[in-house]
Amino acid sequence: MNAISKPIEADAFSVAPTDLDLLARHDIFFETRIANTASLIETAHALRYQVYCLERRFENPEQHLGGLETDSFDKHARHGVLFHRPSQKPIGTVRMIVPRRGVTDSLPIMSLLRHDDLDLADYVDMDRTVEVSRFAISKEFRRRRTDQFEEAPGVGVRLNRSNAMREANLACLSLIQFLVRQSAAEGTRYWAAVMEPRLLRMLAGMGIRFTSIGSLVLHHGLRQPCYCHVPTMLEDVRLEHPEYWNVLTNGGVLQSAFDAATVPVPVHRPNPPHRLALVAPT
C-alpha cells in the first residue's frame, strides 16, 4: 500500500490547543512543498489520479496508465504537494502553469476564452501571470477531518460548526500559501484559472476573489474562466479575514514582495452577453 492509499489514522486528527492562532495550527498540521524531485512530482500526479480519475471521475482512468494523471502542460508547471504533518501523508496538490512566449494556447484558459473571442492578455500582464489548476484535496482527508471535528470525543476541544469550518479551511489555505510563496519568489502578480462556481464562492467567502472573464464554459462540468490580481487579493483578505491573511503570508513574511505593487487598471473589452460556451473536454 503506497502513501496515497494508506489510510490516515484517526488519532492523527487530534485538535491542537485552542489558544493557538490559525497560523500556528496550520504549522502543526500542514505543509505544502514544492515538487522539486522526481518522487514529489510523481506524488503530485498520483494524487491527481486519485482525485480526478477515481473520486471525481473528471478524467478517464484508462487514459492515465500507471495511476498517474498527467497532461502536456505539466512540463511547464510548478507543482505543490500538501502534506498532513502528523501522518506525513500527502493529501493535496496544486500546480502553476507558466506561459511560454510565442506559443499559441500555452495556458489551458486561452483556448477556452477564444470561444468568446476573448484574449487573456487584455486582462492581465502575461509576463507576470500563471494559470492555477489541479487544485485538489483528497476526499478521504476531507471526510475524516469533518468527522473528527464534529463527532470524535476525547481528542481535544469540541468545536462548533463555524469553528470546524474555519479549521477545515486550513488545508485549502496551505495550498494557497504555496501559490503566494511561489508568486513572491518569481514575481508573479496574476493568477488565471478555470474554476467551478462552487469553488469560486468558497474562496470568495474567505476574501479570495477572482474576476470572471466571459461566460461559463462546459469543460468537465460548468467552469468559469477568471483571474486574480494577487496584491489586491491579499489586501482584501487582510481587511476581511486577518487570520487567513496571516496564514497566506506566513505571518506577513511573504507580504513584502507585493507591497510595491500598484492596484491594476486593466484595459479590456467588457464581458459579452452571458451565454454558455460548449467546449469539448481536453
Protein backbone atom coordinates (compact mmCIF):
# COMPACT_ATOMS: atom_id res chain seq x y z
CA MET A 1 0.00 0.00 0.00
CA ASN A 2 1.54 3.31 -1.08
CA ALA A 3 1.49 6.67 0.70
CA ILE A 4 -1.53 7.84 -1.29
CA SER A 5 -3.77 4.88 -0.49
CA LYS A 6 -2.67 4.29 3.10
CA PRO A 7 -5.46 5.42 5.46
CA ILE A 8 -4.85 8.25 7.90
CA GLU A 9 -5.09 7.04 11.47
CA ALA A 10 -7.91 8.60 13.49
CA ASP A 11 -5.60 9.97 16.18
CA ALA A 12 -3.68 11.89 13.54
CA PHE A 13 -6.54 14.39 13.53
CA SER A 14 -6.17 15.46 17.16
CA VAL A 15 -7.24 19.05 17.66
CA ALA A 16 -4.49 21.46 18.63
CA PRO A 17 -4.94 23.64 21.73
CA THR A 18 -7.48 26.38 21.08
CA ASP A 19 -5.22 29.15 22.38
CA LEU A 20 -3.02 28.83 19.27
CA ASP A 21 -3.71 31.17 16.38
CA LEU A 22 -4.62 29.85 12.95
CA LEU A 23 -1.08 30.08 11.56
CA ALA A 24 0.31 28.09 14.48
CA ARG A 25 -2.38 25.45 13.98
CA HIS A 26 -1.58 25.37 10.27
CA ASP A 27 2.10 24.80 11.02
CA ILE A 28 1.22 21.90 13.32
CA PHE A 29 -0.99 20.11 10.80
CA PHE A 30 0.03 21.12 7.27
CA GLU A 31 2.91 21.84 4.93
CA THR A 32 2.83 22.36 1.16
CA ARG A 33 6.15 21.56 -0.50
CA ILE A 34 7.31 22.40 -3.99
CA ALA A 35 7.67 19.24 -6.05
CA ASN A 36 11.32 19.67 -6.96
CA THR A 37 12.24 15.99 -7.13
CA ALA A 38 11.05 13.15 -9.37
CA SER A 39 9.50 11.46 -6.33
CA LEU A 40 7.45 14.51 -5.30
CA ILE A 41 6.32 15.13 -8.88
CA GLU A 42 5.14 11.54 -9.08
CA THR A 43 3.31 12.02 -5.77
CA ALA A 44 1.50 15.04 -7.26
CA HIS A 45 0.45 13.03 -10.31
CA ALA A 46 -0.71 10.14 -8.11
CA LEU A 47 -2.83 12.50 -6.01
CA ARG A 48 -4.37 13.95 -9.15
CA TYR A 49 -5.19 10.44 -10.37
CA GLN A 50 -6.84 9.67 -7.03
CA VAL A 51 -8.94 12.85 -7.06
CA TYR A 52 -9.69 13.46 -10.74
CA CYS A 53 -9.87 9.89 -12.06
CA LEU A 54 -11.21 7.88 -9.11
CA GLU A 55 -13.04 10.28 -6.78
CA ARG A 56 -14.50 12.91 -9.12
CA ARG A 57 -14.43 10.94 -12.39
CA PHE A 58 -13.42 14.05 -14.33
CA GLU A 59 -10.76 12.08 -16.19
CA ASN A 60 -10.86 8.59 -17.70
CA PRO A 61 -8.61 6.28 -15.63
CA GLU A 62 -7.90 4.19 -18.73
CA GLN A 63 -6.19 7.19 -20.33
CA HIS A 64 -3.80 7.55 -17.39
CA LEU A 65 -1.95 4.29 -17.03
CA GLY A 66 0.19 3.61 -14.00
CA GLY A 67 -2.08 5.51 -11.64
CA LEU A 68 -0.64 8.92 -12.62
CA GLU A 69 -2.76 11.78 -14.06
CA THR A 70 -0.66 13.94 -16.38
CA ASP A 71 -1.06 16.25 -19.36
CA SER A 72 1.05 18.28 -21.77
CA PHE A 73 1.10 21.37 -19.52
CA ASP A 74 2.95 19.62 -16.68
CA LYS A 75 6.34 20.19 -18.29
CA HIS A 76 5.91 23.95 -17.88
CA ALA A 77 4.41 23.99 -14.41
CA ARG A 78 5.39 24.30 -10.75
CA HIS A 79 3.75 21.60 -8.64
CA GLY A 80 2.94 21.81 -4.94
CA VAL A 81 2.16 18.83 -2.70
CA LEU A 82 0.20 19.29 0.52
CA PHE A 83 1.23 17.05 3.44
CA HIS A 84 -0.61 16.30 6.65
CA ARG A 85 2.28 16.75 9.09
CA PRO A 86 1.24 14.34 11.89
CA SER A 87 0.91 11.42 9.48
CA GLN A 88 3.33 12.70 6.78
CA LYS A 89 0.70 11.64 4.27
CA PRO A 90 0.31 13.61 1.00
CA ILE A 91 -3.30 14.80 0.84
CA GLY A 92 -3.48 17.53 -1.79
CA THR A 93 -1.85 19.20 -4.75
CA VAL A 94 -1.92 22.29 -6.97
CA ARG A 95 0.06 23.47 -9.99
CA MET A 96 1.05 26.78 -11.54
CA ILE A 97 1.41 26.66 -15.33
CA VAL A 98 3.90 29.16 -16.74
CA PRO A 99 3.01 30.69 -20.14
CA ARG A 100 5.52 30.37 -22.98
CA ARG A 101 6.26 33.29 -25.26
CA GLY A 102 5.26 32.76 -28.87
CA VAL A 103 3.35 29.53 -28.15
CA THR A 104 -0.34 29.53 -29.01
CA ASP A 105 -2.55 28.41 -26.12
CA SER A 106 0.38 27.88 -23.76
CA LEU A 107 -2.16 28.13 -20.93
CA PRO A 108 -5.36 26.00 -20.97
CA ILE A 109 -7.58 29.05 -20.32
CA MET A 110 -6.51 30.66 -23.61
CA SER A 111 -8.30 28.19 -25.88
CA LEU A 112 -11.43 28.34 -23.72
CA LEU A 113 -11.59 32.14 -23.92
CA ARG A 114 -11.30 32.09 -27.70
CA HIS A 115 -14.84 30.69 -27.88
CA ASP A 116 -16.00 34.09 -26.57
CA ASP A 117 -13.49 35.94 -28.78
CA LEU A 118 -11.55 36.96 -25.68
CA ASP A 119 -7.82 37.31 -25.13
CA LEU A 120 -6.31 36.75 -21.67
CA ALA A 121 -3.67 39.40 -22.43
CA ASP A 122 -6.44 42.05 -22.39
CA TYR A 123 -6.95 41.34 -18.68
CA VAL A 124 -3.55 40.52 -17.19
CA ASP A 125 0.15 41.17 -17.65
CA MET A 126 1.13 37.91 -19.33
CA ASP A 127 4.77 38.24 -18.24
CA ARG A 128 3.62 38.11 -14.59
CA THR A 129 0.82 35.55 -14.91
CA VAL A 130 0.50 31.84 -14.24
CA GLU A 131 -2.54 29.60 -14.54
CA VAL A 132 -3.56 27.82 -11.35
CA SER A 133 -5.10 24.40 -11.86
CA ARG A 134 -5.35 20.86 -10.49
CA PHE A 135 -6.27 22.32 -7.09
CA ALA A 136 -7.24 19.18 -5.22
CA ILE A 137 -7.54 17.75 -1.70
CA SER A 138 -8.27 14.06 -1.27
CA LYS A 139 -11.83 13.09 -0.42
CA GLU A 140 -10.66 10.77 2.34
CA PHE A 141 -8.90 13.59 4.17
CA ARG A 142 -11.87 15.95 3.84
CA ARG A 143 -14.25 13.28 5.15
CA ARG A 144 -12.08 12.20 8.07
CA ARG A 145 -11.33 15.80 9.02
CA THR A 146 -15.02 16.72 9.14
CA ASP A 147 -15.88 13.58 11.14
CA GLN A 148 -13.15 14.33 13.66
CA PHE A 149 -14.27 17.91 14.25
CA GLU A 150 -17.94 17.12 14.61
CA GLU A 151 -18.11 13.68 16.21
CA ALA A 152 -14.96 12.35 17.83
CA PRO A 153 -14.87 12.88 21.61
CA GLY A 154 -11.76 12.96 23.77
CA VAL A 155 -9.30 14.35 21.21
CA GLY A 156 -9.22 17.93 22.41
CA VAL A 157 -11.75 20.73 22.49
CA ARG A 158 -15.01 20.07 20.67
CA LEU A 159 -15.61 22.73 18.02
CA ASN A 160 -18.89 24.26 16.91
CA ARG A 161 -19.76 24.12 13.21
CA SER A 162 -18.43 27.62 12.48
CA ASN A 163 -15.06 26.91 14.07
CA ALA A 164 -14.94 23.48 12.44
CA MET A 165 -15.32 25.08 9.02
CA ARG A 166 -12.61 27.61 9.91
CA GLU A 167 -10.26 24.77 10.82
CA ALA A 168 -11.22 22.76 7.74
CA ASN A 169 -10.16 25.72 5.57
CA LEU A 170 -6.58 25.28 6.76
CA ALA A 171 -5.73 22.63 4.17
CA CYS A 172 -7.03 24.89 1.42
CA LEU A 173 -5.13 27.86 2.87
CA SER A 174 -1.93 25.81 2.90
CA LEU A 175 -2.18 25.21 -0.85
CA ILE A 176 -2.86 28.90 -1.45
CA GLN A 177 0.05 29.85 0.81
CA PHE A 178 2.21 27.80 -1.58
CA LEU A 179 0.83 29.82 -4.51
CA VAL A 180 1.61 33.07 -2.68
CA ARG A 181 5.11 31.87 -1.76
CA GLN A 182 5.96 30.88 -5.34
CA SER A 183 4.43 34.08 -6.70
CA ALA A 184 6.52 36.17 -4.31
CA ALA A 185 9.69 34.32 -5.31
CA GLU A 186 9.07 34.51 -9.07
CA GLY A 187 7.48 37.93 -9.44
CA THR A 188 4.05 36.58 -10.36
CA ARG A 189 1.22 39.06 -9.85
CA TYR A 190 -1.75 37.42 -11.57
CA TRP A 191 -3.38 34.01 -11.28
CA ALA A 192 -5.58 32.87 -14.15
CA ALA A 193 -7.89 29.92 -13.57
CA VAL A 194 -10.90 27.99 -14.86
CA MET A 195 -12.89 27.09 -11.75
CA GLU A 196 -16.12 25.53 -10.61
CA PRO A 197 -18.54 28.25 -9.48
CA ARG A 198 -18.83 26.47 -6.12
CA LEU A 199 -15.07 26.76 -5.52
CA LEU A 200 -15.14 30.43 -6.52
CA ARG A 201 -17.91 31.05 -3.95
CA MET A 202 -15.99 29.21 -1.25
CA LEU A 203 -12.83 31.21 -1.92
CA ALA A 204 -14.79 34.49 -2.03
CA GLY A 205 -16.16 33.67 1.42
CA MET A 206 -12.55 33.67 2.60
CA GLY A 207 -11.84 37.02 0.92
CA ILE A 208 -10.02 35.38 -2.01
CA ARG A 209 -11.85 36.79 -5.02
CA PHE A 210 -11.39 36.13 -8.71
CA THR A 211 -12.77 38.31 -11.51
CA SER A 212 -14.80 36.49 -14.17
CA ILE A 213 -13.75 36.64 -17.81
CA GLY A 214 -16.53 35.96 -20.28
CA SER A 215 -19.23 33.39 -19.74
CA LEU A 216 -19.35 29.96 -18.16
CA VAL A 217 -17.93 27.14 -20.25
CA LEU A 218 -18.80 23.46 -20.26
CA HIS A 219 -15.44 21.85 -19.58
CA HIS A 220 -15.59 18.83 -17.28
CA GLY A 221 -18.80 20.43 -15.98
CA LEU A 222 -19.58 24.13 -15.68
CA ARG A 223 -16.46 26.25 -15.22
CA GLN A 224 -15.77 29.98 -15.05
CA PRO A 225 -12.64 31.46 -16.66
CA CYS A 226 -11.30 34.10 -14.29
CA TYR A 227 -8.25 35.87 -12.91
CA CYS A 228 -6.96 37.28 -9.63
CA HIS A 229 -4.58 40.19 -9.01
CA VAL A 230 -2.58 38.77 -6.12
CA PRO A 231 -1.62 42.02 -4.30
CA THR A 232 -5.24 43.22 -4.36
CA MET A 233 -6.47 39.85 -3.14
CA LEU A 234 -4.03 39.83 -0.23
CA GLU A 235 -5.15 43.30 0.86
CA ASP A 236 -8.81 42.22 0.74
CA VAL A 237 -8.05 39.16 2.85
CA ARG A 238 -6.06 41.26 5.33
CA LEU A 239 -9.01 43.59 5.86
CA GLU A 240 -11.76 40.95 5.93
CA HIS A 241 -10.08 37.88 7.43
CA PRO A 242 -6.77 38.82 9.06
CA GLU A 243 -6.32 35.33 10.47
CA TYR A 244 -6.46 33.89 6.94
CA TRP A 245 -4.07 36.60 5.68
CA ASN A 246 -1.67 35.59 8.44
CA VAL A 247 -1.60 32.04 7.07
CA LEU A 248 -1.39 33.07 3.40
CA THR A 249 1.57 35.39 4.03
CA ASN A 250 3.25 33.20 6.66
CA GLY A 251 2.81 35.77 9.37
CA GLY A 252 3.38 38.68 6.97
CA VAL A 253 6.77 37.43 5.77
CA LEU A 254 5.57 36.99 2.18
CA GLN A 255 3.67 40.28 2.03
CA SER A 256 6.74 42.45 1.45
CA ALA A 257 7.19 41.03 -2.06
CA PHE A 258 3.82 42.54 -3.01
CA ASP A 259 3.88 45.83 -1.11
CA ALA A 260 5.33 47.81 -4.01
CA ALA A 261 2.71 46.52 -6.42
CA THR A 262 0.11 49.04 -7.55
CA VAL A 263 -3.55 48.25 -7.97
CA PRO A 264 -4.01 47.42 -11.66
CA VAL A 265 -6.33 49.26 -14.01
CA PRO A 266 -6.93 46.61 -16.68
CA VAL A 267 -7.89 47.80 -20.12
CA HIS A 268 -10.13 45.25 -21.72
CA ARG A 269 -13.37 44.77 -23.51
CA PRO A 270 -16.49 44.24 -21.37
CA ASN A 271 -17.69 40.69 -20.98
CA PRO A 272 -20.02 39.58 -23.78
CA PRO A 273 -23.70 38.86 -23.08
CA HIS A 274 -23.94 35.74 -20.94
CA ARG A 275 -24.09 32.50 -22.85
CA LEU A 276 -22.81 29.01 -22.23
CA ALA A 277 -19.82 28.09 -24.36
CA LEU A 278 -19.74 24.38 -25.11
CA VAL A 279 -16.13 23.27 -25.04
CA ALA A 280 -15.06 19.71 -25.71
CA PRO A 281 -13.08 18.22 -22.80
CA THR A 282 -9.34 18.12 -23.40
